[in-house]
Amino acid sequence: MYKTYSLEEILEMAVKIEEDGAIFYESLANRTKNKEIEEIYRYLSGEEKDHIAVFKSIYKDITGRGFEKAFNEEEANLFLHSLVENRVFKDSKEIKKFLEDTSDESSVIELAIQIEKDTILYYYEILEGLEDKERNLVKEIINQEKSHIYRLNNLKNILRG
């Protein structure tokens, strides 16, 4: 049976997606020896943190209260998986484990590109429940996520030499 979710729940999941993204890029930055690549990962992590603030602001505009997590971490992860079936990671520990087990930088970048694409698809889905002001903010985030894909593709070119 299909369950519909409140806009608050959907925004909470957007915050979770961005939190996972920030952890992912920060972990990538910490593991690379290449300063140019590290700078790109840190930039992307910062962008994800900015997106967290935007979604929390939208949440506050819609609810009239500060952002609150409605779920504990385990519930949030189950919820996220029900919303975004093909998410790669269940939690930040799984992100860190993947990065420890993967030494091929190109594979990691390909995964990052796929995560960005999945995130964009999710954000397109939530647009319809938003008012114009919030919709425009999410559209801007979508454009930033698209620019992340561009940066990651450039990063692949840097690695190729």
Protein backbone atom coordinates (compact mmCIF):
# COMPACT_ATOMS: atom_id res chain seq x y z
CA MET A 1 0.00 0.00 0.00
CA TYR A 2 1.30 3.46 -0.93
CA LYS A 3 1.75 5.81 2.00
CA THR A 4 1.82 9.56 1.58
CA TYR A 5 4.13 11.61 3.75
CA SER A 6 3.72 15.04 5.22
CA LEU A 7 5.80 17.88 3.87
CA GLU A 8 7.56 18.04 7.24
CA GLU A 9 8.59 14.39 6.92
CA ILE A 10 9.76 14.90 3.35
CA LEU A 11 11.84 17.92 4.40
CA GLU A 12 13.31 15.95 7.27
CA MET A 13 14.46 13.34 4.77
CA ALA A 14 15.95 16.07 2.57
CA VAL A 15 17.96 17.23 5.60
CA LYS A 16 19.09 13.62 6.18
CA ILE A 17 20.16 13.25 2.53
CA GLU A 18 22.21 16.43 2.79
CA GLU A 19 23.73 15.40 6.14
CA ASP A 20 24.83 12.10 4.59
CA GLY A 21 26.22 14.01 1.61
CA ALA A 22 28.24 16.33 3.83
CA ILE A 23 29.68 13.34 5.74
CA PHE A 24 30.45 11.54 2.47
CA TYR A 25 32.37 14.47 0.92
CA GLU A 26 34.16 15.31 4.17
CA SER A 27 35.28 11.68 4.42
CA LEU A 28 36.52 11.82 0.83
CA ALA A 29 38.44 15.02 1.55
CA ASN A 30 40.09 13.46 4.59
CA ARG A 31 41.30 10.41 2.69
CA THR A 32 42.80 11.97 -0.43
CA LYS A 33 46.42 13.06 -0.73
CA ASN A 34 45.73 15.34 -3.73
CA LYS A 35 45.16 18.93 -2.52
CA GLU A 36 43.16 19.95 -5.61
CA ILE A 37 40.81 17.01 -5.18
CA GLU A 38 40.58 17.66 -1.44
CA GLU A 39 39.49 21.25 -2.11
CA ILE A 40 36.70 20.08 -4.41
CA TYR A 41 35.42 17.58 -1.84
CA ARG A 42 35.49 20.20 0.93
CA TYR A 43 33.62 22.62 -1.31
CA LEU A 44 30.95 19.99 -2.02
CA SER A 45 30.66 19.19 1.69
CA GLY A 46 30.14 22.88 2.41
CA GLU A 47 27.43 23.08 -0.25
CA GLU A 48 25.61 20.15 1.34
CA LYS A 49 25.77 21.92 4.71
CA ASP A 50 24.30 25.05 3.09
CA HIS A 51 21.47 22.91 1.70
CA ILE A 52 20.74 21.62 5.21
CA ALA A 53 20.23 25.21 6.35
CA VAL A 54 17.89 25.94 3.43
CA PHE A 55 15.72 22.89 4.11
CA LYS A 56 15.59 23.74 7.82
CA SER A 57 14.52 27.27 6.90
CA ILE A 58 11.78 25.94 4.61
CA TYR A 59 10.68 23.65 7.45
CA LYS A 60 10.47 26.64 9.80
CA ASP A 61 8.53 28.71 7.24
CA ILE A 62 6.03 25.92 6.73
CA THR A 63 5.60 24.77 10.34
CA GLY A 64 6.24 28.01 12.21
CA ARG A 65 8.74 26.25 14.47
CA GLY A 66 12.39 25.30 14.43
CA PHE A 67 13.52 22.11 12.76
CA GLU A 68 12.85 19.02 14.83
CA LYS A 69 13.73 15.47 14.04
CA ALA A 70 10.54 13.48 14.28
CA PHE A 71 12.39 10.17 14.13
CA ASN A 72 15.31 8.60 15.92
CA GLU A 73 18.24 7.64 13.67
CA GLU A 74 17.05 4.08 13.03
CA GLU A 75 13.50 5.17 12.22
CA ALA A 76 14.83 7.93 9.97
CA ASN A 77 16.96 5.45 8.07
CA LEU A 78 14.00 3.10 7.55
CA PHE A 79 11.88 6.03 6.48
CA LEU A 80 14.54 7.28 4.09
CA HIS A 81 14.79 3.85 2.50
CA SER A 82 11.04 3.76 2.00
CA LEU A 83 11.15 7.15 0.30
CA VAL A 84 14.29 6.67 -1.71
CA GLU A 85 14.42 2.97 -2.46
CA ASN A 86 17.84 2.87 -4.08
CA ARG A 87 19.85 4.91 -1.59
CA VAL A 88 23.35 3.50 -1.34
CA PHE A 89 24.05 4.07 2.33
CA LYS A 90 21.94 3.36 5.37
CA ASP A 91 23.90 5.57 7.73
CA SER A 92 27.15 7.47 8.24
CA LYS A 93 28.93 4.34 9.52
CA GLU A 94 28.16 2.60 6.24
CA ILE A 95 29.55 5.58 4.31
CA LYS A 96 32.81 5.43 6.25
CA LYS A 97 33.06 1.65 5.83
CA PHE A 98 32.55 1.91 2.08
CA LEU A 99 35.30 4.50 1.83
CA GLU A 100 37.68 2.38 3.92
CA ASP A 101 37.02 -0.64 1.69
CA THR A 102 37.31 1.22 -1.64
CA SER A 103 40.66 2.43 -2.89
CA ASP A 104 39.71 3.26 -6.49
CA GLU A 105 39.07 7.01 -6.62
CA SER A 106 37.23 6.76 -9.96
CA SER A 107 34.71 4.30 -8.47
CA VAL A 108 34.11 6.64 -5.56
CA ILE A 109 33.54 9.56 -7.92
CA GLU A 110 31.12 7.48 -10.02
CA LEU A 111 29.22 6.65 -6.84
CA ALA A 112 29.16 10.34 -5.85
CA ILE A 113 27.74 11.24 -9.28
CA GLN A 114 25.02 8.60 -8.91
CA ILE A 115 24.15 9.86 -5.42
CA GLU A 116 23.87 13.41 -6.76
CA LYS A 117 21.56 12.20 -9.56
CA ASP A 118 19.37 10.30 -7.09
CA THR A 119 19.21 13.36 -4.87
CA ILE A 120 18.13 15.54 -7.78
CA LEU A 121 15.34 13.10 -8.63
CA TYR A 122 14.16 13.18 -5.02
CA TYR A 123 14.10 16.98 -5.01
CA TYR A 124 12.08 17.08 -8.22
CA GLU A 125 9.54 14.85 -6.47
CA ILE A 126 9.13 17.19 -3.50
CA LEU A 127 8.66 20.33 -5.63
CA GLU A 128 4.95 19.77 -6.14
CA GLY A 129 4.15 20.08 -2.42
CA LEU A 130 5.86 23.46 -2.03
CA GLU A 131 4.71 27.05 -2.34
CA ASP A 132 6.43 29.31 -4.90
CA LYS A 133 9.05 30.72 -2.50
CA GLU A 134 10.10 27.30 -1.22
CA ARG A 135 9.84 25.77 -4.70
CA ASN A 136 12.30 28.37 -6.00
CA LEU A 137 14.74 27.59 -3.18
CA VAL A 138 14.59 23.86 -3.94
CA LYS A 139 15.04 24.58 -7.66
CA GLU A 140 18.20 26.49 -6.77
CA ILE A 141 19.42 23.52 -4.73
CA ILE A 142 18.68 21.27 -7.72
CA ASN A 143 20.84 23.54 -9.87
CA GLN A 144 23.62 23.36 -7.29
CA GLU A 145 23.36 19.56 -7.21
CA LYS A 146 23.67 19.59 -11.01
CA SER A 147 26.80 21.71 -10.67
CA HIS A 148 28.15 19.07 -8.26
CA ILE A 149 27.84 16.50 -11.05
CA TYR A 150 29.75 18.84 -13.36
CA ARG A 151 32.51 19.28 -10.75
CA LEU A 152 32.70 15.55 -10.15
CA ASN A 153 33.01 14.89 -13.88
CA ASN A 154 35.85 17.42 -13.98
CA LEU A 155 37.41 15.60 -11.05
CA LYS A 156 37.36 12.38 -13.07
CA ASN A 157 39.25 14.22 -15.80
CA ILE A 158 41.84 15.45 -13.30
CA LEU A 159 42.41 11.87 -12.16
CA ARG A 160 42.87 10.67 -15.74
CA GLY A 161 45.66 13.22 -16.08
